[in-house]
């Protein structure tokens, strides 16, 4: 699972590790510096990358010899795949935030922020 964030400057970045993604939410400056976009599973990225036709060694050498800029083509493909995965996260209606590993439930598992708020509300009644 990828957790997508956007810096206020406009740069998007994914975090694969849920604990690290949760640590971003704990930052005091989260609302000032970041925006949570959503989650994605990485499948769209893989789908776009897999569309590149496989090249034989001879075809690769031919492209290299002809001066085609493979690095630019590769960079464009990676950018396209990255943007496709961001779109998946934006369109995903499930905006579940990563769990806070500092909050452990009675079952020994990390709790979501909503679960903790519900628990505090129940204790107050």
C-alpha atoms as a PDB file:
ATOM      1  CA  UNK A   1       0.000   0.000   0.000  1.00  0.00           C
ATOM      2  CA  UNK A   2       1.268   3.472  -0.883  1.00  0.00           C
ATOM      3  CA  UNK A   3       0.254   6.529   1.146  1.00  0.00           C
ATOM      4  CA  UNK A   4       0.401   9.663  -0.999  1.00  0.00           C
ATOM      5  CA  UNK A   5       1.147  13.146   0.297  1.00  0.00           C
ATOM      6  CA  UNK A   6       1.541  16.513  -1.337  1.00  0.00           C
ATOM      7  CA  UNK A   7       3.934  19.154  -0.101  1.00  0.00           C
ATOM      8  CA  UNK A   8       2.500  22.672  -0.041  1.00  0.00           C
ATOM      9  CA  UNK A   9       5.020  23.548  -2.785  1.00  0.00           C
ATOM     10  CA  UNK A  10       3.131  21.093  -5.025  1.00  0.00           C
ATOM     11  CA  UNK A  11       5.459  18.058  -5.025  1.00  0.00           C
ATOM     12  CA  UNK A  12       3.783  14.651  -4.589  1.00  0.00           C
ATOM     13  CA  UNK A  13       5.504  11.792  -2.808  1.00  0.00           C
ATOM     14  CA  UNK A  14       4.517   8.267  -1.775  1.00  0.00           C
ATOM     15  CA  UNK A  15       5.442   6.441   1.407  1.00  0.00           C
ATOM     16  CA  UNK A  16       5.193   2.671   1.357  1.00  0.00           C
ATOM     17  CA  UNK A  17       5.833   2.027   5.052  1.00  0.00           C
ATOM     18  CA  UNK A  18       2.652   2.629   7.071  1.00  0.00           C
ATOM     19  CA  UNK A  19       4.567   3.523  10.244  1.00  0.00           C
ATOM     20  CA  UNK A  20       6.594   6.170   8.400  1.00  0.00           C
ATOM     21  CA  UNK A  21       3.414   7.530   6.780  1.00  0.00           C
ATOM     22  CA  UNK A  22       1.790   7.714  10.215  1.00  0.00           C
ATOM     23  CA  UNK A  23       4.806   9.611  11.540  1.00  0.00           C
ATOM     24  CA  UNK A  24       4.114  12.379   9.009  1.00  0.00           C
ATOM     25  CA  UNK A  25       0.634  12.834  10.488  1.00  0.00           C
ATOM     26  CA  UNK A  26       2.142  13.209  13.966  1.00  0.00           C
ATOM     27  CA  UNK A  27       4.240  16.189  12.903  1.00  0.00           C
ATOM     28  CA  UNK A  28       3.133  19.440  14.494  1.00  0.00           C
ATOM     29  CA  UNK A  29       3.508  21.203  11.146  1.00  0.00           C
ATOM     30  CA  UNK A  30       1.530  18.599   9.138  1.00  0.00           C
ATOM     31  CA  UNK A  31      -1.337  20.955   8.221  1.00  0.00           C
ATOM     32  CA  UNK A  32       1.099  23.707   7.303  1.00  0.00           C
ATOM     33  CA  UNK A  33       3.477  21.677   5.122  1.00  0.00           C
ATOM     34  CA  UNK A  34       1.538  18.645   3.845  1.00  0.00           C
ATOM     35  CA  UNK A  35      -1.743  17.433   2.445  1.00  0.00           C
ATOM     36  CA  UNK A  36      -2.850  13.799   2.545  1.00  0.00           C
ATOM     37  CA  UNK A  37      -3.949  12.686  -0.937  1.00  0.00           C
ATOM     38  CA  UNK A  38      -4.956   9.077  -0.339  1.00  0.00           C
ATOM     39  CA  UNK A  39      -3.834   5.493  -0.807  1.00  0.00           C
ATOM     40  CA  UNK A  40      -3.030   3.364  -3.833  1.00  0.00           C
ATOM     41  CA  UNK A  41      -1.834  -0.177  -4.360  1.00  0.00           C
ATOM     42  CA  UNK A  42       0.873   0.440  -6.983  1.00  0.00           C
ATOM     43  CA  UNK A  43      -0.894  -1.598  -9.673  1.00  0.00           C
ATOM     44  CA  UNK A  44      -1.405   1.317 -12.067  1.00  0.00           C
ATOM     45  CA  UNK A  45       2.324   2.108 -11.914  1.00  0.00           C
ATOM     46  CA  UNK A  46       3.162  -1.516 -12.737  1.00  0.00           C
ATOM     47  CA  UNK A  47       0.579  -1.523 -15.532  1.00  0.00           C
ATOM     48  CA  UNK A  48       2.111   1.515 -17.227  1.00  0.00           C
ATOM     49  CA  UNK A  49       5.673   0.229 -16.816  1.00  0.00           C
ATOM     50  CA  UNK A  50       4.727  -3.170 -18.238  1.00  0.00           C
ATOM     51  CA  UNK A  51       3.489  -1.559 -21.472  1.00  0.00           C
ATOM     52  CA  UNK A  52       7.049  -0.963 -22.562  1.00  0.00           C
ATOM     53  CA  UNK A  53       7.840  -3.523 -25.184  1.00  0.00           C
ATOM     54  CA  UNK A  54      10.705  -5.833 -24.370  1.00  0.00           C
ATOM     55  CA  UNK A  55      13.798  -5.111 -26.445  1.00  0.00           C
ATOM     56  CA  UNK A  56      16.338  -7.534 -27.675  1.00  0.00           C
ATOM     57  CA  UNK A  57      19.977  -6.729 -27.103  1.00  0.00           C
ATOM     58  CA  UNK A  58      20.361  -5.967 -30.834  1.00  0.00           C
ATOM     59  CA  UNK A  59      17.425  -3.494 -30.785  1.00  0.00           C
ATOM     60  CA  UNK A  60      18.874  -1.808 -27.706  1.00  0.00           C
ATOM     61  CA  UNK A  61      22.298  -1.482 -29.336  1.00  0.00           C
ATOM     62  CA  UNK A  62      20.668  -0.129 -32.505  1.00  0.00           C
ATOM     63  CA  UNK A  63      18.808   2.568 -30.534  1.00  0.00           C
ATOM     64  CA  UNK A  64      21.960   3.456 -28.633  1.00  0.00           C
ATOM     65  CA  UNK A  65      23.986   3.683 -31.840  1.00  0.00           C
ATOM     66  CA  UNK A  66      21.355   5.862 -33.527  1.00  0.00           C
ATOM     67  CA  UNK A  67      21.596   8.384 -30.693  1.00  0.00           C
ATOM     68  CA  UNK A  68      18.044   7.985 -29.377  1.00  0.00           C
ATOM     69  CA  UNK A  69      17.868   9.335 -25.858  1.00  0.00           C
ATOM     70  CA  UNK A  70      16.909   6.284 -23.839  1.00  0.00           C
ATOM     71  CA  UNK A  71      17.236   8.109 -20.543  1.00  0.00           C
ATOM     72  CA  UNK A  72      14.700  10.729 -21.623  1.00  0.00           C
ATOM     73  CA  UNK A  73      12.294   8.030 -22.829  1.00  0.00           C
ATOM     74  CA  UNK A  74      12.716   6.138 -19.570  1.00  0.00           C
ATOM     75  CA  UNK A  75      12.231   9.304 -17.513  1.00  0.00           C
ATOM     76  CA  UNK A  76       9.050  10.172 -19.423  1.00  0.00           C
ATOM     77  CA  UNK A  77       7.674   6.685 -18.873  1.00  0.00           C
ATOM     78  CA  UNK A  78       8.434   6.780 -15.141  1.00  0.00           C
ATOM     79  CA  UNK A  79       6.811  10.214 -14.868  1.00  0.00           C
ATOM     80  CA  UNK A  80       3.707   8.929 -16.663  1.00  0.00           C
ATOM     81  CA  UNK A  81       3.523   5.884 -14.368  1.00  0.00           C
ATOM     82  CA  UNK A  82       4.025   8.066 -11.268  1.00  0.00           C
ATOM     83  CA  UNK A  83       1.255  10.467 -12.355  1.00  0.00           C
ATOM     84  CA  UNK A  84      -1.100   7.555 -13.081  1.00  0.00           C
ATOM     85  CA  UNK A  85      -0.587   6.221  -9.556  1.00  0.00           C
ATOM     86  CA  UNK A  86      -1.242   9.687  -8.069  1.00  0.00           C
ATOM     87  CA  UNK A  87      -4.540   9.799  -9.968  1.00  0.00           C
ATOM     88  CA  UNK A  88      -5.523   6.432  -8.468  1.00  0.00           C
ATOM     89  CA  UNK A  89      -4.859   7.805  -4.981  1.00  0.00           C
ATOM     90  CA  UNK A  90      -6.825  10.996  -5.692  1.00  0.00           C
ATOM     91  CA  UNK A  91      -9.821   9.075  -7.046  1.00  0.00           C
ATOM     92  CA  UNK A  92      -9.798   6.470  -4.274  1.00  0.00           C
ATOM     93  CA  UNK A  93     -12.809   7.195  -2.060  1.00  0.00           C
ATOM     94  CA  UNK A  94     -11.195   5.329   0.837  1.00  0.00           C
ATOM     95  CA  UNK A  95      -9.178   8.096   2.503  1.00  0.00           C
ATOM     96  CA  UNK A  96      -8.188   5.947   5.485  1.00  0.00           C
ATOM     97  CA  UNK A  97      -5.120   7.448   7.068  1.00  0.00           C
ATOM     98  CA  UNK A  98      -2.185   5.309   8.167  1.00  0.00           C
ATOM     99  CA  UNK A  99      -2.391   3.995  11.708  1.00  0.00           C
ATOM    100  CA  UNK A 100      -0.540   5.633  14.572  1.00  0.00           C
ATOM    101  CA  UNK A 101       1.873   3.037  15.890  1.00  0.00           C
ATOM    102  CA  UNK A 102       2.213   5.021  19.119  1.00  0.00           C
ATOM    103  CA  UNK A 103      -1.375   4.062  19.991  1.00  0.00           C
ATOM    104  CA  UNK A 104      -1.733   0.362  20.657  1.00  0.00           C
ATOM    105  CA  UNK A 105      -5.173  -1.137  21.266  1.00  0.00           C
ATOM    106  CA  UNK A 106      -6.031  -3.808  23.797  1.00  0.00           C
ATOM    107  CA  UNK A 107      -5.578  -6.389  21.046  1.00  0.00           C
ATOM    108  CA  UNK A 108      -1.952  -5.280  20.562  1.00  0.00           C
ATOM    109  CA  UNK A 109      -2.524  -3.719  17.145  1.00  0.00           C
ATOM    110  CA  UNK A 110      -1.945  -0.092  16.132  1.00  0.00           C
ATOM    111  CA  UNK A 111      -5.064   2.046  16.220  1.00  0.00           C
ATOM    112  CA  UNK A 112      -6.337   4.614  13.752  1.00  0.00           C
ATOM    113  CA  UNK A 113      -6.832   8.165  14.966  1.00  0.00           C
ATOM    114  CA  UNK A 114     -10.611   7.716  14.643  1.00  0.00           C
ATOM    115  CA  UNK A 115     -10.548   4.583  16.784  1.00  0.00           C
ATOM    116  CA  UNK A 116      -8.694   6.436  19.535  1.00  0.00           C
ATOM    117  CA  UNK A 117     -11.180   9.331  19.428  1.00  0.00           C
ATOM    118  CA  UNK A 118     -14.078   6.868  19.700  1.00  0.00           C
ATOM    119  CA  UNK A 119     -12.404   5.175  22.665  1.00  0.00           C
ATOM    120  CA  UNK A 120     -11.894   8.479  24.493  1.00  0.00           C
ATOM    121  CA  UNK A 121     -15.511   9.437  23.807  1.00  0.00           C
ATOM    122  CA  UNK A 122     -16.752   6.104  25.241  1.00  0.00           C
ATOM    123  CA  UNK A 123     -14.606   6.530  28.372  1.00  0.00           C
ATOM    124  CA  UNK A 124     -16.076   9.986  28.951  1.00  0.00           C
ATOM    125  CA  UNK A 125     -19.666   8.702  28.999  1.00  0.00           C
END
